[in-house]
Protein backbone atom coordinates (compact mmCIF):
# COMPACT_ATOMS: atom_id res chain seq x y z
CA MET A 1 24.80 71.69 -28.28
CA ASN A 2 26.74 70.75 -25.26
CA THR A 3 27.84 67.24 -24.33
CA PHE A 4 25.18 66.88 -21.65
CA CYS A 5 22.36 67.65 -24.09
CA THR A 6 23.82 65.36 -26.74
CA GLY A 7 24.08 62.49 -24.23
CA LEU A 8 20.58 63.14 -22.98
CA HIS A 9 19.31 63.33 -26.55
CA ARG A 10 20.93 59.98 -27.39
CA ALA A 11 19.56 58.39 -24.21
CA LEU A 12 16.05 59.62 -25.01
CA LEU A 13 16.30 58.35 -28.59
CA ALA A 14 17.54 54.97 -27.34
CA GLU A 15 14.65 54.77 -24.86
CA ILE A 16 12.12 55.70 -27.54
CA GLU A 17 13.59 53.12 -29.90
CA ALA A 18 13.49 50.42 -27.19
CA ALA A 19 9.89 51.28 -26.37
CA ALA A 20 8.93 51.15 -30.03
CA SER A 21 10.38 47.66 -30.42
CA ARG A 22 8.47 46.26 -27.40
CA PRO A 23 5.13 44.59 -28.05
CA THR A 24 2.22 46.94 -27.64
CA PRO A 25 -0.77 46.19 -25.41
CA ALA A 26 -2.80 45.58 -28.56
CA THR A 27 -0.29 42.97 -29.72
CA ASP A 28 -0.36 41.31 -26.29
CA LEU A 29 -4.16 41.39 -26.32
CA ALA A 30 -4.35 39.83 -29.76
CA ALA A 31 -2.00 37.05 -28.68
CA THR A 32 -4.03 36.49 -25.51
CA VAL A 33 -7.29 36.36 -27.47
CA ALA A 34 -5.78 33.89 -29.94
CA GLN A 35 -4.51 31.72 -27.09
CA LEU A 36 -7.91 31.78 -25.35
CA GLU A 37 -9.72 30.94 -28.59
CA ALA A 38 -7.41 27.95 -29.14
CA SER A 39 -7.99 26.80 -25.57
CA ASN A 40 -11.75 27.25 -26.02
CA ALA A 41 -11.66 25.18 -29.23
CA GLU A 42 -9.79 22.44 -27.35
CA LEU A 43 -12.31 22.37 -24.50
CA ARG A 44 -15.56 22.54 -26.50
CA PRO A 45 -15.58 18.87 -27.58
CA ILE A 46 -15.16 17.81 -23.93
CA ILE A 47 -18.32 19.62 -22.75
CA PRO A 48 -20.88 17.00 -23.90
CA GLN A 49 -19.02 14.20 -22.14
CA LEU A 50 -18.73 16.29 -18.98
CA GLN A 51 -22.47 16.96 -19.08
CA ILE A 52 -23.13 13.21 -19.37
CA ASP A 53 -20.73 12.52 -16.50
CA LYS A 54 -22.48 15.16 -14.38
CA ARG A 55 -25.90 13.58 -15.02
CA ASN A 56 -24.52 10.12 -14.25
CA LEU A 57 -23.03 11.34 -10.98
CA ALA A 58 -26.29 13.01 -9.99
CA THR A 59 -28.16 9.75 -10.71
CA GLU A 60 -25.63 7.72 -8.75
CA ASN A 61 -25.78 10.15 -5.82
CA LEU A 62 -29.58 9.95 -5.78
CA TRP A 63 -29.44 6.14 -5.80
CA LEU A 64 -26.90 6.16 -2.95
CA LEU A 65 -29.08 8.56 -0.97
CA HIS A 66 -32.07 6.26 -1.52
CA ARG A 67 -30.07 3.23 -0.34
CA ALA A 68 -28.85 5.15 2.73
CA ARG A 69 -32.41 6.10 3.65
CA LEU A 70 -33.54 2.49 3.25
CA ALA A 71 -30.68 1.34 5.47
CA GLU A 72 -31.60 3.95 8.09
CA ASP A 73 -35.21 2.75 8.03
CA ARG A 74 -34.09 -0.89 8.44
CA LEU A 75 -31.80 0.11 11.30
CA ALA A 76 -34.60 1.99 13.04
CA ALA A 77 -36.89 -1.05 12.64
CA HIS A 78 -34.17 -3.33 14.08
CA ASP A 79 -33.62 -0.91 16.95
CA GLN A 80 -37.36 -0.97 17.74
CA GLU A 81 -37.44 -4.75 17.49
CA SER A 82 -34.39 -5.02 19.73
CA ALA A 83 -35.93 -2.70 22.32
CA ALA A 84 -39.16 -4.72 22.28
CA LEU A 85 -37.23 -7.98 22.71
CA LYS A 86 -35.22 -6.50 25.60
CA ALA A 87 -38.45 -5.36 27.25
CA ARG A 88 -40.00 -8.81 26.82
CA ALA A 89 -36.86 -10.47 28.21
CA GLN A 90 -36.86 -8.12 31.19
CA LEU A 91 -40.53 -8.85 31.78
CA HIS A 92 -39.88 -12.58 31.46
CA ARG A 93 -36.97 -12.37 33.93
CA SER A 94 -39.11 -10.42 36.41
CA ASN A 95 -41.91 -12.99 36.08
CA ILE A 96 -39.48 -15.84 36.70
CA SER A 97 -37.94 -14.15 39.75
CA TYR A 98 -41.45 -13.34 41.07
CA ARG A 99 -42.46 -17.00 40.75
CA ALA A 100 -39.26 -18.11 42.41
CA VAL A 101 -40.08 -16.20 45.53
């Protein structure tokens, strides 16, 4: 064997050895699955509290919406009352100026 082939042979063997020592996709997958399972186990106990919080927020939002609608109705009633009072005042002023003439 010539020197070139021997060097190439050694380089190929070194590359094969390096590749063999690297983690395989299956090893990476197993580690990822284990990590995800641990994370899942950590998060599971939190789910019931989050569900309660979600229901409480929905209830609070509904109450706030109800209060906003009531406030809008009161505002509309005040606006109508104000318009009626302005019309009466205008009518009163026109009656007074008519009498003054």
